[in-house]
Amino acid sequence: MNRVLVAYTTKTGTTRNYAEVLSSTLKDQGLEVDVKSLTEASNLDGYDAVLIGSPINGMQLVPDATSFLAANQARLAGKKTAVFSVSYMHGKARLLWNKAIEKSTAKAAATAGASDWKVFPGRIDKPMPGFARFLFGFPADLPVDRQDPGMARVWATGLAGSLKG
């Protein structure tokens, strides 16, 4: 059986939520999956594949994630790898901001030698102030919770085949 590690860092719990949805979906596809925070994922031995998740802050993956990827680049080289990020803004912000988020996620995926990457919508703790909505191009009625577990299930189902064997 193929063993998969879903490792994540989180600030608000949203990235952990996605990690758990990804894990559950991969298990449904016949994979053996562990979910761990990046601080718990110091040993990658015994895993055939690794998914790494991070929130976006300032249009970039958080430093915990980029440090983990850089420190484990050699150990990830022999494993099937994918990267996911979580951003409240992605998909609803102006094109410039969306591209910056995607560029950061793609760069992290390249560092990890990942075959795939994905940005999922996240949540915030309170509505964006008017100035921030204007700056980023958000509609006034954008909900504070944009999490989409269905999107994560679709992505994980698509990944499952490439993570096997």
N, C-alpha and C. Protein backbone atom coordinates (compact mmCIF):
# COMPACT_ATOMS: atom_id res chain seq x y z
N MET A 1 0.85 -1.19 0.00
CA MET A 1 0.00 0.00 0.00
C MET A 1 0.88 1.24 0.00
N ASN A 2 0.49 2.24 -0.75
CA ASN A 2 1.24 3.49 -0.80
C ASN A 2 0.93 4.35 0.42
N ARG A 3 1.99 4.88 1.02
CA ARG A 3 1.84 5.73 2.21
C ARG A 3 2.02 7.18 1.81
N VAL A 4 1.08 7.99 2.24
CA VAL A 4 1.08 9.42 1.92
C VAL A 4 1.10 10.21 3.22
N LEU A 5 1.92 11.25 3.23
CA LEU A 5 1.93 12.20 4.34
C LEU A 5 1.31 13.50 3.85
N VAL A 6 0.32 13.99 4.56
CA VAL A 6 -0.22 15.32 4.32
C VAL A 6 0.28 16.18 5.48
N ALA A 7 1.23 17.06 5.18
CA ALA A 7 1.86 17.91 6.20
C ALA A 7 1.43 19.35 5.95
N TYR A 8 1.17 20.06 7.02
CA TYR A 8 0.63 21.41 6.88
C TYR A 8 1.13 22.33 8.00
N THR A 9 1.02 23.60 7.76
CA THR A 9 1.14 24.61 8.80
C THR A 9 -0.11 25.46 8.70
N THR A 10 -0.56 25.99 9.81
CA THR A 10 -1.81 26.75 9.81
C THR A 10 -1.75 27.87 10.83
N LYS A 11 -2.51 28.90 10.57
CA LYS A 11 -2.63 30.01 11.51
C LYS A 11 -4.01 30.00 12.16
N THR A 12 -5.02 29.72 11.36
CA THR A 12 -6.41 29.80 11.84
C THR A 12 -7.10 28.44 11.87
N GLY A 13 -6.42 27.39 11.42
CA GLY A 13 -7.01 26.07 11.37
C GLY A 13 -7.55 25.70 9.99
N THR A 14 -7.61 26.67 9.08
CA THR A 14 -8.17 26.41 7.76
C THR A 14 -7.32 25.44 6.96
N THR A 15 -6.01 25.60 6.97
CA THR A 15 -5.14 24.69 6.22
C THR A 15 -5.22 23.29 6.80
N ARG A 16 -5.35 23.17 8.12
CA ARG A 16 -5.54 21.86 8.75
C ARG A 16 -6.87 21.25 8.27
N ASN A 17 -7.92 22.06 8.17
CA ASN A 17 -9.21 21.56 7.67
C ASN A 17 -9.03 20.94 6.28
N TYR A 18 -8.34 21.65 5.41
CA TYR A 18 -8.10 21.12 4.06
C TYR A 18 -7.25 19.86 4.11
N ALA A 19 -6.23 19.84 4.97
CA ALA A 19 -5.38 18.65 5.09
C ALA A 19 -6.22 17.43 5.47
N GLU A 20 -7.18 17.62 6.35
CA GLU A 20 -8.03 16.51 6.79
C GLU A 20 -8.96 16.05 5.67
N VAL A 21 -9.50 16.99 4.89
CA VAL A 21 -10.35 16.62 3.75
C VAL A 21 -9.53 15.86 2.71
N LEU A 22 -8.33 16.35 2.43
CA LEU A 22 -7.45 15.66 1.48
C LEU A 22 -7.14 14.25 1.96
N SER A 23 -6.81 14.12 3.24
CA SER A 23 -6.50 12.82 3.81
C SER A 23 -7.68 11.86 3.68
N SER A 24 -8.84 12.30 4.06
CA SER A 24 -10.03 11.46 4.00
C SER A 24 -10.31 11.01 2.56
N THR A 25 -10.17 11.91 1.62
CA THR A 25 -10.42 11.58 0.21
C THR A 25 -9.39 10.59 -0.31
N LEU A 26 -8.13 10.79 0.04
CA LEU A 26 -7.08 9.86 -0.40
C LEU A 26 -7.28 8.48 0.22
N LYS A 27 -7.72 8.44 1.47
CA LYS A 27 -8.02 7.15 2.10
C LYS A 27 -9.15 6.45 1.37
N ASP A 28 -10.16 7.21 0.97
CA ASP A 28 -11.27 6.63 0.21
C ASP A 28 -10.80 6.06 -1.13
N GLN A 29 -9.67 6.55 -1.62
CA GLN A 29 -9.10 6.08 -2.89
C GLN A 29 -8.12 4.92 -2.68
N GLY A 30 -8.03 4.43 -1.43
CA GLY A 30 -7.22 3.25 -1.16
C GLY A 30 -5.80 3.53 -0.71
N LEU A 31 -5.49 4.77 -0.37
CA LEU A 31 -4.14 5.10 0.10
C LEU A 31 -4.09 5.13 1.62
N GLU A 32 -2.92 4.83 2.16
CA GLU A 32 -2.69 4.94 3.60
C GLU A 32 -2.15 6.34 3.85
N VAL A 33 -2.82 7.12 4.70
CA VAL A 33 -2.49 8.54 4.84
C VAL A 33 -2.32 8.93 6.30
N ASP A 34 -1.27 9.72 6.57
CA ASP A 34 -1.07 10.36 7.87
C ASP A 34 -1.17 11.86 7.67
N VAL A 35 -1.74 12.55 8.63
CA VAL A 35 -1.81 14.01 8.62
C VAL A 35 -1.01 14.51 9.81
N LYS A 36 -0.06 15.41 9.53
CA LYS A 36 0.79 15.95 10.60
C LYS A 36 1.08 17.43 10.32
N SER A 37 1.28 18.17 11.39
CA SER A 37 1.75 19.54 11.22
C SER A 37 3.21 19.48 10.73
N LEU A 38 3.68 20.53 10.12
CA LEU A 38 5.07 20.54 9.64
C LEU A 38 6.06 20.30 10.78
N THR A 39 5.74 20.78 11.96
CA THR A 39 6.66 20.56 13.09
C THR A 39 6.70 19.09 13.50
N GLU A 40 5.63 18.34 13.24
CA GLU A 40 5.59 16.91 13.56
C GLU A 40 6.14 16.05 12.41
N ALA A 41 6.33 16.67 11.25
CA ALA A 41 6.71 15.92 10.05
C ALA A 41 8.21 15.96 9.78
N SER A 42 8.99 15.77 10.82
CA SER A 42 10.44 15.86 10.65
C SER A 42 11.03 14.65 9.94
N ASN A 43 10.34 13.52 9.97
CA ASN A 43 10.84 12.31 9.34
C ASN A 43 9.94 11.92 8.17
N LEU A 44 10.47 12.01 6.96
CA LEU A 44 9.70 11.68 5.75
C LEU A 44 9.93 10.24 5.30
N ASP A 45 10.81 9.52 6.02
CA ASP A 45 11.08 8.12 5.67
C ASP A 45 9.79 7.30 5.78
N GLY A 46 9.64 6.36 4.88
CA GLY A 46 8.48 5.49 4.91
C GLY A 46 7.28 6.02 4.14
N TYR A 47 7.38 7.23 3.63
CA TYR A 47 6.29 7.79 2.84
C TYR A 47 6.67 7.76 1.36
N ASP A 48 5.72 7.35 0.55
CA ASP A 48 5.92 7.32 -0.90
C ASP A 48 5.56 8.66 -1.53
N ALA A 49 4.69 9.41 -0.86
CA ALA A 49 4.22 10.68 -1.38
C ALA A 49 4.01 11.66 -0.23
N VAL A 50 4.17 12.94 -0.53
CA VAL A 50 4.01 13.99 0.48
C VAL A 50 3.22 15.14 -0.14
N LEU A 51 2.18 15.57 0.56
CA LEU A 51 1.44 16.79 0.22
C LEU A 51 1.76 17.80 1.30
N ILE A 52 2.11 19.01 0.89
CA ILE A 52 2.50 20.05 1.84
C ILE A 52 1.56 21.23 1.68
N GLY A 53 0.98 21.67 2.80
CA GLY A 53 0.02 22.77 2.77
C GLY A 53 0.42 23.94 3.63
N SER A 54 0.06 25.13 3.15
CA SER A 54 0.42 26.36 3.84
C SER A 54 -0.62 27.45 3.59
N PRO A 55 -0.86 28.28 4.60
CA PRO A 55 -1.66 29.47 4.32
C PRO A 55 -0.81 30.49 3.55
N ILE A 56 -1.49 31.40 2.92
CA ILE A 56 -0.84 32.52 2.24
C ILE A 56 -0.94 33.73 3.15
N ASN A 57 0.16 34.44 3.28
CA ASN A 57 0.18 35.69 4.03
C ASN A 57 1.06 36.65 3.26
N GLY A 58 0.54 37.81 2.94
CA GLY A 58 1.32 38.77 2.16
C GLY A 58 1.63 38.25 0.76
N MET A 59 0.72 37.50 0.18
CA MET A 59 0.82 36.93 -1.16
C MET A 59 1.87 35.83 -1.27
N GLN A 60 2.36 35.33 -0.14
CA GLN A 60 3.41 34.31 -0.11
C GLN A 60 3.01 33.19 0.84
N LEU A 61 3.56 31.99 0.59
CA LEU A 61 3.42 30.95 1.60
C LEU A 61 4.13 31.43 2.86
N VAL A 62 3.63 31.02 4.01
CA VAL A 62 4.24 31.48 5.26
C VAL A 62 5.65 30.90 5.39
N PRO A 63 6.52 31.59 6.13
CA PRO A 63 7.92 31.14 6.26
C PRO A 63 8.09 29.72 6.77
N ASP A 64 7.22 29.26 7.66
CA ASP A 64 7.33 27.87 8.15
C ASP A 64 7.32 26.88 6.99
N ALA A 65 6.45 27.13 6.02
CA ALA A 65 6.33 26.22 4.88
C ALA A 65 7.53 26.33 3.94
N THR A 66 7.93 27.54 3.61
CA THR A 66 9.06 27.68 2.69
C THR A 66 10.35 27.15 3.32
N SER A 67 10.51 27.33 4.62
CA SER A 67 11.68 26.77 5.31
C SER A 67 11.65 25.25 5.28
N PHE A 68 10.48 24.67 5.52
CA PHE A 68 10.34 23.21 5.49
C PHE A 68 10.69 22.68 4.11
N LEU A 69 10.19 23.32 3.08
CA LEU A 69 10.46 22.87 1.71
C LEU A 69 11.94 22.96 1.38
N ALA A 70 12.57 24.06 1.75
CA ALA A 70 14.00 24.23 1.47
C ALA A 70 14.83 23.20 2.23
N ALA A 71 14.48 22.98 3.51
CA ALA A 71 15.25 22.05 4.34
C ALA A 71 15.08 20.60 3.90
N ASN A 72 13.96 20.29 3.27
CA ASN A 72 13.66 18.90 2.90
C ASN A 72 13.70 18.65 1.40
N GLN A 73 14.25 19.57 0.65
CA GLN A 73 14.27 19.46 -0.81
C GLN A 73 14.87 18.14 -1.28
N ALA A 74 15.99 17.77 -0.72
CA ALA A 74 16.66 16.52 -1.14
C ALA A 74 15.81 15.29 -0.77
N ARG A 75 15.20 15.29 0.42
CA ARG A 75 14.40 14.14 0.84
C ARG A 75 13.09 14.03 0.07
N LEU A 76 12.60 15.16 -0.45
CA LEU A 76 11.38 15.14 -1.25
C LEU A 76 11.65 14.70 -2.69
N ALA A 77 12.90 14.82 -3.12
CA ALA A 77 13.25 14.54 -4.52
C ALA A 77 12.84 13.14 -4.96
N GLY A 78 12.89 12.16 -4.10
CA GLY A 78 12.55 10.79 -4.49
C GLY A 78 11.10 10.42 -4.22
N LYS A 79 10.29 11.40 -3.85
CA LYS A 79 8.89 11.12 -3.51
C LYS A 79 7.94 11.88 -4.43
N LYS A 80 6.78 11.32 -4.64
CA LYS A 80 5.73 12.05 -5.35
C LYS A 80 5.25 13.15 -4.41
N THR A 81 5.22 14.36 -4.91
CA THR A 81 4.95 15.50 -4.05
C THR A 81 3.96 16.45 -4.70
N ALA A 82 3.12 17.06 -3.87
CA ALA A 82 2.20 18.11 -4.31
C ALA A 82 2.14 19.16 -3.22
N VAL A 83 1.82 20.39 -3.61
CA VAL A 83 1.76 21.52 -2.69
C VAL A 83 0.38 22.17 -2.80
N PHE A 84 -0.18 22.53 -1.65
CA PHE A 84 -1.42 23.30 -1.67
C PHE A 84 -1.29 24.49 -0.73
N SER A 85 -1.95 25.56 -1.12
CA SER A 85 -1.97 26.75 -0.29
C SER A 85 -3.42 27.17 -0.07
N VAL A 86 -3.61 28.01 0.93
CA VAL A 86 -4.95 28.47 1.29
C VAL A 86 -4.91 29.99 1.37
N SER A 87 -5.80 30.61 0.60
CA SER A 87 -5.86 32.07 0.57
C SER A 87 -7.31 32.53 0.51
N TYR A 88 -7.69 33.35 1.45
CA TYR A 88 -9.03 33.93 1.43
C TYR A 88 -9.24 34.72 0.14
N MET A 89 -8.21 35.39 -0.31
CA MET A 89 -8.32 36.30 -1.44
C MET A 89 -8.42 35.61 -2.79
N HIS A 90 -7.76 34.47 -2.93
CA HIS A 90 -7.59 33.87 -4.25
C HIS A 90 -8.94 33.61 -4.94
N GLY A 91 -9.02 34.01 -6.19
CA GLY A 91 -10.22 33.81 -6.98
C GLY A 91 -11.22 34.94 -6.88
N LYS A 92 -11.06 35.79 -5.90
CA LYS A 92 -11.97 36.93 -5.73
C LYS A 92 -11.24 38.27 -5.76
N ALA A 93 -9.93 38.23 -5.71
CA ALA A 93 -9.13 39.46 -5.72
C ALA A 93 -8.85 39.88 -7.16
N ARG A 94 -8.26 41.05 -7.29
CA ARG A 94 -7.85 41.53 -8.61
C ARG A 94 -6.82 40.56 -9.20
N LEU A 95 -6.73 40.52 -10.51
CA LEU A 95 -5.85 39.59 -11.22
C LEU A 95 -4.41 39.65 -10.70
N LEU A 96 -3.90 40.84 -10.43
CA LEU A 96 -2.53 41.00 -9.93
C LEU A 96 -2.30 40.20 -8.65
N TRP A 97 -3.25 40.26 -7.72
CA TRP A 97 -3.10 39.56 -6.45
C TRP A 97 -3.22 38.05 -6.65
N ASN A 98 -4.16 37.65 -7.50
CA ASN A 98 -4.31 36.21 -7.78
C ASN A 98 -3.03 35.65 -8.38
N LYS A 99 -2.45 36.36 -9.32
CA LYS A 99 -1.22 35.89 -9.96
C LYS A 99 -0.07 35.80 -8.95
N ALA A 100 0.01 36.75 -8.02
CA ALA A 100 1.07 36.71 -7.00
C ALA A 100 0.93 35.48 -6.11
N ILE A 101 -0.30 35.16 -5.73
CA ILE A 101 -0.56 33.99 -4.89
C ILE A 101 -0.20 32.72 -5.65
N GLU A 102 -0.61 32.64 -6.90
CA GLU A 102 -0.30 31.46 -7.72
C GLU A 102 1.19 31.33 -7.97
N LYS A 103 1.86 32.44 -8.19
CA LYS A 103 3.31 32.41 -8.42
C LYS A 103 4.04 31.87 -7.18
N SER A 104 3.63 32.32 -6.01
CA SER A 104 4.25 31.85 -4.77
C SER A 104 4.02 30.35 -4.58
N THR A 105 2.81 29.89 -4.86
CA THR A 105 2.51 28.47 -4.70
C THR A 105 3.27 27.64 -5.73
N ALA A 106 3.32 28.12 -6.96
CA ALA A 106 4.06 27.41 -8.01
C ALA A 106 5.55 27.35 -7.69
N LYS A 107 6.09 28.43 -7.14
CA LYS A 107 7.51 28.45 -6.76
C LYS A 107 7.79 27.43 -5.65
N ALA A 108 6.90 27.35 -4.68
CA ALA A 108 7.06 26.37 -3.61
C ALA A 108 6.99 24.95 -4.17
N ALA A 109 6.08 24.74 -5.10
CA ALA A 109 5.95 23.42 -5.73
C ALA A 109 7.23 23.07 -6.49
N ALA A 110 7.81 24.03 -7.18
CA ALA A 110 9.06 23.78 -7.91
C ALA A 110 10.18 23.43 -6.95
N THR A 111 10.24 24.14 -5.82
CA THR A 111 11.27 23.85 -4.81
C THR A 111 11.14 22.42 -4.31
N ALA A 112 9.90 21.96 -4.16
CA ALA A 112 9.65 20.61 -3.65
C ALA A 112 9.74 19.55 -4.74
N GLY A 113 9.89 19.96 -5.99
CA GLY A 113 9.86 19.00 -7.09
C GLY A 113 8.47 18.41 -7.28
N ALA A 114 7.46 19.19 -6.91
CA ALA A 114 6.08 18.71 -6.93
C ALA A 114 5.53 18.58 -8.33
N SER A 115 4.70 17.57 -8.51
CA SER A 115 4.06 17.35 -9.80
C SER A 115 2.79 18.17 -9.95
N ASP A 116 2.26 18.69 -8.85
CA ASP A 116 1.01 19.43 -8.91
C ASP A 116 0.93 20.41 -7.74
N TRP A 117 0.11 21.44 -7.92
CA TRP A 117 -0.15 22.39 -6.84
C TRP A 117 -1.55 22.96 -7.01
N LYS A 118 -2.09 23.47 -5.90
CA LYS A 118 -3.45 24.00 -5.92
C LYS A 118 -3.58 25.09 -4.85
N VAL A 119 -4.38 26.11 -5.15
CA VAL A 119 -4.73 27.14 -4.18
C VAL A 119 -6.20 26.97 -3.83
N PHE A 120 -6.50 26.85 -2.54
CA PHE A 120 -7.87 26.72 -2.07
C PHE A 120 -8.32 28.02 -1.40
N PRO A 121 -9.61 28.35 -1.49
CA PRO A 121 -10.12 29.53 -0.81
C PRO A 121 -10.19 29.30 0.70
N GLY A 122 -9.93 30.35 1.46
CA GLY A 122 -9.89 30.22 2.91
C GLY A 122 -10.97 31.01 3.62
N ARG A 123 -10.63 31.47 4.81
CA ARG A 123 -11.57 32.24 5.61
C ARG A 123 -10.82 33.30 6.40
N ILE A 124 -11.54 34.30 6.82
CA ILE A 124 -10.99 35.33 7.70
C ILE A 124 -11.91 35.44 8.91
N ASP A 125 -11.44 36.13 9.93
CA ASP A 125 -12.23 36.17 11.17
C ASP A 125 -13.28 37.28 11.21
N LYS A 126 -13.18 38.26 10.30
CA LYS A 126 -14.18 39.34 10.26
C LYS A 126 -14.18 39.95 8.86
N PRO A 127 -15.24 40.62 8.50
CA PRO A 127 -15.32 41.21 7.15
C PRO A 127 -14.16 42.18 6.89
N MET A 128 -13.75 42.23 5.64
CA MET A 128 -12.69 43.16 5.23
C MET A 128 -13.19 44.59 5.32
N PRO A 129 -12.36 45.50 5.83
CA PRO A 129 -12.73 46.91 5.81
C PRO A 129 -12.87 47.41 4.36
N GLY A 130 -13.63 48.48 4.19
CA GLY A 130 -13.90 49.01 2.86
C GLY A 130 -12.64 49.31 2.06
N PHE A 131 -11.64 49.89 2.69
CA PHE A 131 -10.41 50.23 1.96
C PHE A 131 -9.73 48.96 1.44
N ALA A 132 -9.66 47.92 2.26
CA ALA A 132 -9.03 46.66 1.83
C ALA A 132 -9.83 46.02 0.70
N ARG A 133 -11.17 46.06 0.81
CA ARG A 133 -11.99 45.51 -0.27
C ARG A 133 -11.70 46.24 -1.58
N PHE A 134 -11.58 47.55 -1.50
CA PHE A 134 -11.27 48.34 -2.70
C PHE A 134 -9.89 47.99 -3.25
N LEU A 135 -8.89 47.97 -2.37
CA LEU A 135 -7.51 47.70 -2.78
C LEU A 135 -7.39 46.34 -3.47
N PHE A 136 -7.99 45.32 -2.89
CA PHE A 136 -7.88 43.97 -3.43
C PHE A 136 -8.95 43.63 -4.46
N GLY A 137 -9.98 44.47 -4.55
CA GLY A 137 -11.02 44.27 -5.55
C GLY A 137 -12.10 43.30 -5.12
N PHE A 138 -12.35 43.18 -3.81
CA PHE A 138 -13.38 42.27 -3.31
C PHE A 138 -14.77 42.88 -3.41
N PRO A 139 -15.76 42.06 -3.74
CA PRO A 139 -17.14 42.55 -3.64
C PRO A 139 -17.52 42.75 -2.17
N ALA A 140 -18.40 43.69 -1.91
CA ALA A 140 -18.78 44.01 -0.53
C ALA A 140 -19.46 42.84 0.18
N ASP A 141 -20.13 41.96 -0.56
CA ASP A 141 -20.88 40.87 0.06
C ASP A 141 -20.11 39.56 0.12
N LEU A 142 -18.79 39.60 -0.04
CA LEU A 142 -17.99 38.38 0.01
C LEU A 142 -18.04 37.80 1.42
N PRO A 143 -18.44 36.52 1.56
CA PRO A 143 -18.54 35.94 2.90
C PRO A 143 -17.16 35.79 3.56
N VAL A 144 -17.13 35.79 4.88
CA VAL A 144 -15.85 35.65 5.59
C VAL A 144 -15.30 34.23 5.50
N ASP A 145 -16.16 33.26 5.26
CA ASP A 145 -15.72 31.86 5.13
C ASP A 145 -15.97 31.39 3.70
N ARG A 146 -14.87 31.20 2.97
CA ARG A 146 -14.94 30.77 1.57
C ARG A 146 -14.40 29.34 1.38
N GLN A 147 -14.21 28.61 2.47
CA GLN A 147 -13.67 27.25 2.36
C GLN A 147 -14.53 26.42 1.42
N ASP A 148 -13.87 25.56 0.64
CA ASP A 148 -14.57 24.73 -0.33
C ASP A 148 -14.03 23.29 -0.26
N PRO A 149 -14.54 22.50 0.69
CA PRO A 149 -14.08 21.12 0.82
C PRO A 149 -14.30 20.31 -0.45
N GLY A 150 -15.34 20.62 -1.20
CA GLY A 150 -15.60 19.90 -2.45
C GLY A 150 -14.46 20.08 -3.44
N MET A 151 -13.89 21.28 -3.50
CA MET A 151 -12.75 21.54 -4.38
C MET A 151 -11.57 20.68 -3.96
N ALA A 152 -11.37 20.55 -2.65
CA ALA A 152 -10.26 19.73 -2.14
C ALA A 152 -10.48 18.26 -2.48
N ARG A 153 -11.73 17.79 -2.35
CA ARG A 153 -12.02 16.39 -2.68
C ARG A 153 -11.75 16.10 -4.16
N VAL A 154 -12.15 17.02 -5.02
CA VAL A 154 -11.92 16.83 -6.46
C VAL A 154 -10.43 16.78 -6.75
N TRP A 155 -9.67 17.70 -6.16
CA TRP A 155 -8.21 17.73 -6.40
C TRP A 155 -7.56 16.44 -5.90
N ALA A 156 -7.93 16.02 -4.68
CA ALA A 156 -7.34 14.80 -4.11
C ALA A 156 -7.70 13.57 -4.92
N THR A 157 -8.91 13.50 -5.40
CA THR A 157 -9.33 12.35 -6.22
C THR A 157 -8.48 12.31 -7.50
N GLY A 158 -8.23 13.46 -8.10
CA GLY A 158 -7.39 13.51 -9.28
C GLY A 158 -5.95 13.14 -8.99
N LEU A 159 -5.45 13.52 -7.81
CA LEU A 159 -4.08 13.19 -7.42
C LEU A 159 -3.89 11.72 -7.09
N ALA A 160 -4.93 11.09 -6.59
CA ALA A 160 -4.80 9.73 -6.04
C ALA A 160 -4.15 8.78 -7.04
N GLY A 161 -4.56 8.83 -8.28
CA GLY A 161 -3.98 7.93 -9.28
C GLY A 161 -2.50 8.10 -9.44
N SER A 162 -2.04 9.35 -9.44
CA SER A 162 -0.60 9.60 -9.62
C SER A 162 0.20 9.29 -8.35
N LEU A 163 -0.47 9.25 -7.20
CA LEU A 163 0.23 8.95 -5.94
C LEU A 163 0.37 7.44 -5.72
N LYS A 164 -0.42 6.67 -6.42
CA LYS A 164 -0.34 5.22 -6.30
C LYS A 164 0.78 4.70 -7.18
N GLY A 165 1.38 3.61 -6.74
CA GLY A 165 2.39 2.91 -7.56
C GLY A 165 3.52 3.67 -7.95
